[in-house]
Amino acid sequence: MTQSVNQPAERADGTADPRDETARSRGLSLLLAALILLLVWEFVALTVQIPILPTPWAALSTLVRELGRDLGRHFLASLLRVVASITLAVALATPAGLVLGQSQRLNRLLSPFIYLLYPIPKVVLVPIVLLFLGVGNAPKIVIVTMILFFQILVLVRDSAANIQPEILTSVRSLGAGRRALFRFVYLPASVPAVLTAVRQSIGTAVAVLYIAELFATQYGLGYYIYIQGSTLFDYPKMYAGVIAMSVLGLGLYFVVDAVERRACRWMEA
């Protein structure tokens, strides 16, 4: 007999999978928190009654209406920039972190530079990157990539360096060379570090993307929010852009979190 789709998954002993229960409880908690925030927003908007603070209904209805118009194009532009930045940062920082984690000599050589560059707030580099790369998508992608790159690099390096020597010895005893160690030990061990770094950096990356999209572009949620609020004074559209950018950040966060829980189930064992 096939199991109903709506029924929770069961383990071999017939009990429900705790992961499903946790996910369901978490979803209800998030829904309740969102509802409370909307009610607080509604209360404040009705209390102060000023044009710069529309009600949630006005902002959400504007969001739905404008997604099929200009807002949808701006959302897609920002989404593509963030996805391109994440892809580029993972492709560059993961192998670099693995190499540093395996080589103590190289790590000692480059650690001072990482130590100096990592704490620098990358948002201050926006004007410099714009001067060098000009208009278009390139400077926005580079800025967000820089934020993600150092976060991933440091976590992957530390993850690779902390692999237990006994594991390496066991794999070497089976005849594994450097390439096999990289593929079957170091690379799988780096996956949790990569996903954790991306998940932790998404909020900062989206915030910096907003600032980067204020300059030298006509597409992107940052540009849309600024134009609607500071030039056209269309505050419902401005708040619709803010909600869209929040959905962008939350959506990416939830996607990475779901991938991490699925790809790293072995960590729960």
Protein backbone atom coordinates (compact mmCIF):
# COMPACT_ATOMS: atom_id res chain seq x y z
CA MET A 1 0.00 0.00 0.00
CA THR A 2 1.43 3.40 -0.95
CA GLN A 3 1.90 6.01 1.70
CA SER A 4 -0.18 9.18 1.49
CA VAL A 5 1.72 12.27 0.43
CA ASN A 6 0.39 14.25 3.37
CA GLN A 7 1.45 11.70 5.95
CA PRO A 8 4.80 12.18 7.67
CA ALA A 9 7.60 9.86 6.68
CA GLU A 10 8.11 6.90 8.98
CA ARG A 11 11.26 5.13 10.01
CA ALA A 12 11.72 1.36 10.10
CA ASP A 13 10.30 1.20 13.63
CA GLY A 14 7.07 2.88 12.51
CA THR A 15 7.71 6.23 14.23
CA ALA A 16 7.70 9.55 12.40
CA ASP A 17 11.03 10.93 11.21
CA PRO A 18 12.16 13.60 13.71
CA ARG A 19 13.54 15.69 10.84
CA ASP A 20 10.05 16.02 9.36
CA GLU A 21 8.60 17.04 12.71
CA THR A 22 11.34 19.63 13.18
CA ALA A 23 10.84 21.05 9.69
CA ARG A 24 7.07 21.29 10.20
CA SER A 25 7.48 23.00 13.58
CA ARG A 26 10.02 25.40 12.11
CA GLY A 27 7.70 26.27 9.22
CA LEU A 28 4.82 27.06 11.57
CA SER A 29 7.10 29.21 13.74
CA LEU A 30 8.28 31.21 10.72
CA LEU A 31 4.71 31.67 9.51
CA LEU A 32 3.61 32.88 12.93
CA ALA A 33 6.55 35.31 13.16
CA ALA A 34 5.75 36.74 9.71
CA LEU A 35 2.10 37.20 10.69
CA ILE A 36 3.07 39.03 13.90
CA LEU A 37 5.42 41.35 11.97
CA LEU A 38 2.64 42.17 9.47
CA LEU A 39 0.20 42.90 12.31
CA VAL A 40 2.72 45.21 13.99
CA TRP A 41 3.34 46.98 10.67
CA GLU A 42 -0.43 47.35 10.14
CA PHE A 43 -0.91 48.77 13.64
CA VAL A 44 1.91 51.31 13.28
CA ALA A 45 0.78 52.37 9.79
CA LEU A 46 -2.83 52.93 10.93
CA THR A 47 -1.64 54.76 14.05
CA VAL A 48 0.75 57.26 12.46
CA GLN A 49 -1.11 57.57 9.11
CA ILE A 50 1.66 59.19 7.11
CA PRO A 51 2.33 58.73 3.36
CA ILE A 52 5.82 57.32 3.87
CA LEU A 53 4.41 54.30 5.74
CA PRO A 54 1.67 52.55 3.76
CA THR A 55 -0.16 49.56 5.16
CA PRO A 56 1.09 46.04 4.48
CA TRP A 57 -1.93 45.42 2.26
CA ALA A 58 -1.04 48.42 0.08
CA ALA A 59 2.57 47.29 -0.20
CA LEU A 60 1.74 43.62 -0.87
CA SER A 61 -0.96 44.41 -3.43
CA THR A 62 1.49 46.73 -5.19
CA LEU A 63 4.11 43.98 -5.10
CA VAL A 64 1.76 41.49 -6.78
CA ARG A 65 0.70 44.04 -9.39
CA GLU A 66 4.20 45.28 -10.20
CA LEU A 67 5.87 41.86 -10.41
CA GLY A 68 4.41 41.52 -13.91
CA ARG A 69 5.78 44.91 -14.85
CA ASP A 70 9.04 46.70 -14.03
CA LEU A 71 9.56 45.12 -10.61
CA GLY A 72 9.82 41.64 -12.09
CA ARG A 73 12.68 42.70 -14.38
CA HIS A 74 14.50 44.39 -11.52
CA PHE A 75 14.05 41.31 -9.31
CA LEU A 76 15.41 39.04 -12.03
CA ALA A 77 18.45 41.30 -12.55
CA SER A 78 19.32 41.20 -8.84
CA LEU A 79 18.70 37.45 -8.63
CA LEU A 80 21.03 36.74 -11.54
CA ARG A 81 23.75 38.90 -10.00
CA VAL A 82 23.56 37.14 -6.64
CA VAL A 83 23.48 33.65 -8.17
CA ALA A 84 26.44 34.50 -10.42
CA SER A 85 28.35 35.85 -7.43
CA ILE A 86 27.67 32.75 -5.31
CA THR A 87 28.73 30.46 -8.16
CA LEU A 88 31.92 32.41 -8.81
CA ALA A 89 32.83 32.66 -5.13
CA VAL A 90 32.35 28.93 -4.53
CA ALA A 91 34.33 28.05 -7.66
CA LEU A 92 37.26 30.24 -6.59
CA ALA A 93 37.29 29.98 -2.80
CA THR A 94 36.68 26.25 -2.36
CA PRO A 95 39.81 24.98 -4.15
CA ALA A 96 41.87 27.81 -2.68
CA GLY A 97 40.72 26.93 0.84
CA LEU A 98 41.40 23.24 0.29
CA VAL A 99 44.93 23.97 -0.93
CA LEU A 100 45.65 26.19 2.07
CA GLY A 101 44.19 23.59 4.43
CA GLN A 102 46.48 20.90 3.03
CA SER A 103 49.67 22.97 2.88
CA GLN A 104 50.88 24.43 6.18
CA ARG A 105 53.74 26.22 4.43
CA LEU A 106 51.45 27.96 1.94
CA ASN A 107 48.98 28.75 4.69
CA ARG A 108 51.68 30.42 6.79
CA LEU A 109 52.72 32.45 3.75
CA LEU A 110 49.25 33.71 2.83
CA SER A 111 47.57 33.92 6.24
CA PRO A 112 48.84 37.47 6.97
CA PHE A 113 47.25 38.73 3.75
CA ILE A 114 43.96 36.98 4.52
CA TYR A 115 44.09 38.33 8.07
CA LEU A 116 44.44 41.89 6.74
CA LEU A 117 41.90 41.67 3.90
CA TYR A 118 39.16 39.59 5.53
CA PRO A 119 37.93 42.19 8.10
CA ILE A 120 37.79 45.06 5.58
CA PRO A 121 34.12 45.98 4.95
CA LYS A 122 33.81 45.30 1.24
CA VAL A 123 31.11 47.94 0.83
CA VAL A 124 33.79 50.67 1.02
CA LEU A 125 35.32 49.20 -2.13
CA VAL A 126 32.18 49.82 -4.22
CA PRO A 127 33.38 53.20 -5.66
CA ILE A 128 36.81 51.76 -6.46
CA VAL A 129 35.39 48.71 -8.23
CA LEU A 130 33.00 50.92 -10.19
CA LEU A 131 35.87 53.14 -11.32
CA PHE A 132 37.83 50.14 -12.60
CA LEU A 133 35.01 48.05 -14.08
CA GLY A 134 32.55 50.77 -15.07
CA VAL A 135 28.83 50.18 -15.57
CA GLY A 136 27.01 46.91 -16.06
CA ASN A 137 26.82 43.69 -14.09
CA ALA A 138 30.54 43.09 -13.63
CA PRO A 139 31.19 45.49 -10.70
CA LYS A 140 28.11 44.30 -8.80
CA ILE A 141 29.06 40.65 -9.21
CA VAL A 142 32.67 41.34 -8.21
CA ILE A 143 31.66 43.16 -5.01
CA VAL A 144 29.31 40.39 -3.84
CA THR A 145 31.84 37.73 -4.85
CA MET A 146 34.49 39.39 -2.69
CA ILE A 147 32.21 39.19 0.35
CA LEU A 148 31.46 35.51 -0.16
CA PHE A 149 34.99 34.60 -1.23
CA PHE A 150 36.77 35.36 2.04
CA GLN A 151 34.02 33.80 4.16
CA ILE A 152 34.15 30.56 2.18
CA LEU A 153 37.94 30.60 1.96
CA VAL A 154 38.46 30.83 5.71
CA LEU A 155 35.87 28.21 6.65
CA VAL A 156 37.01 25.71 4.00
CA ARG A 157 40.66 26.21 4.95
CA ASP A 158 39.91 25.57 8.62
CA SER A 159 37.72 22.56 7.77
CA ALA A 160 40.43 20.99 5.63
CA ALA A 161 43.13 21.69 8.22
CA ASN A 162 41.06 20.07 10.99
CA ILE A 163 40.51 16.72 9.28
CA GLN A 164 41.65 14.01 11.67
CA PRO A 165 45.05 12.56 10.74
CA GLU A 166 43.71 9.05 11.36
CA ILE A 167 41.28 9.45 8.47
CA LEU A 168 44.05 10.56 6.12
CA THR A 169 46.25 7.68 7.24
CA SER A 170 43.47 5.15 6.67
CA VAL A 171 42.77 6.41 3.17
CA ARG A 172 46.47 6.51 2.29
CA SER A 173 46.83 2.94 3.50
CA LEU A 174 44.35 1.95 0.79
CA GLY A 175 46.69 3.37 -1.84
CA ALA A 176 45.08 6.79 -2.26
CA GLY A 177 47.28 9.51 -3.67
CA ARG A 178 46.95 13.27 -3.43
CA ARG A 179 44.23 13.43 -6.08
CA ALA A 180 42.18 10.70 -4.39
CA LEU A 181 42.54 12.39 -1.01
CA PHE A 182 41.32 15.65 -2.51
CA ARG A 183 38.32 13.99 -4.16
CA PHE A 184 37.20 11.56 -1.47
CA VAL A 185 38.29 13.27 1.77
CA TYR A 186 38.99 16.97 1.51
CA LEU A 187 36.25 17.89 -0.97
CA PRO A 188 33.37 16.13 0.85
CA ALA A 189 34.61 17.52 4.16
CA SER A 190 34.47 21.05 2.73
CA VAL A 191 30.81 20.90 1.66
CA PRO A 192 29.36 21.84 5.09
CA ALA A 193 31.84 24.71 5.39
CA VAL A 194 30.96 26.05 1.92
CA LEU A 195 27.21 25.92 2.51
CA THR A 196 27.51 27.41 6.00
CA ALA A 197 29.64 30.27 4.68
CA VAL A 198 27.21 31.01 1.85
CA ARG A 199 24.20 30.86 4.18
CA GLN A 200 25.81 33.18 6.73
CA SER A 201 26.89 35.67 4.07
CA ILE A 202 23.68 35.97 2.06
CA GLY A 203 22.25 38.81 4.17
CA THR A 204 25.41 40.88 3.88
CA ALA A 205 25.74 40.07 0.18
CA VAL A 206 22.20 41.23 -0.60
CA ALA A 207 22.70 44.39 1.48
CA VAL A 208 25.89 45.27 -0.40
CA LEU A 209 24.17 44.44 -3.69
CA TYR A 210 21.54 47.05 -2.82
CA ILE A 211 24.24 49.68 -2.38
CA ALA A 212 26.06 48.61 -5.55
CA GLU A 213 22.83 48.87 -7.55
CA LEU A 214 22.46 52.51 -6.58
CA PHE A 215 25.29 53.40 -8.95
CA ALA A 216 25.84 53.10 -12.70
CA THR A 217 22.82 50.91 -13.48
CA GLN A 218 19.19 51.13 -14.47
CA TYR A 219 18.19 47.61 -13.41
CA GLY A 220 18.14 45.92 -10.03
CA LEU A 221 16.08 46.12 -6.86
CA GLY A 222 18.45 48.64 -5.30
CA TYR A 223 17.91 51.01 -8.21
CA TYR A 224 14.14 50.37 -8.16
CA ILE A 225 13.79 51.09 -4.43
CA TYR A 226 15.87 54.26 -4.64
CA ILE A 227 14.04 55.67 -7.67
CA GLN A 228 10.58 54.94 -6.32
CA GLY A 229 11.31 56.35 -2.86
CA SER A 230 13.64 59.27 -3.51
CA THR A 231 12.68 60.48 -7.00
CA LEU A 232 9.13 59.40 -7.80
CA PHE A 233 7.94 59.39 -4.16
CA ASP A 234 5.78 56.34 -4.85
CA TYR A 235 6.04 54.81 -1.39
CA PRO A 236 3.88 51.70 -1.95
CA LYS A 237 6.18 50.77 -4.85
CA MET A 238 9.23 51.51 -2.70
CA TYR A 239 7.98 49.15 -0.01
CA ALA A 240 7.11 46.58 -2.67
CA GLY A 241 10.76 46.72 -3.75
CA VAL A 242 11.90 46.34 -0.14
CA ILE A 243 9.68 43.27 0.26
CA ALA A 244 11.00 41.85 -3.03
CA MET A 245 14.58 42.28 -1.87
CA SER A 246 13.72 40.68 1.47
CA VAL A 247 12.13 37.74 -0.37
CA LEU A 248 15.29 37.46 -2.48
CA GLY A 249 17.51 37.21 0.59
CA LEU A 250 15.15 34.89 2.48
CA GLY A 251 14.60 32.68 -0.53
CA LEU A 252 18.32 32.21 -1.12
CA TYR A 253 18.84 31.57 2.59
CA PHE A 254 16.15 28.87 2.68
CA VAL A 255 17.46 27.25 -0.52
CA VAL A 256 21.02 27.03 0.83
CA ASP A 257 19.71 25.82 4.21
CA ALA A 258 17.67 23.08 2.52
CA VAL A 259 20.65 22.01 0.38
CA GLU A 260 22.84 21.93 3.49
CA ARG A 261 20.39 19.75 5.41
CA ARG A 262 20.03 17.36 2.46
CA ALA A 263 23.71 17.21 1.47
CA CYS A 264 25.03 16.98 5.02
CA ARG A 265 22.64 14.48 6.60
CA TRP A 266 25.64 12.42 7.66
CA MET A 267 26.45 15.16 10.18
CA GLU A 268 23.18 14.44 12.03
CA ALA A 269 24.06 10.81 12.54
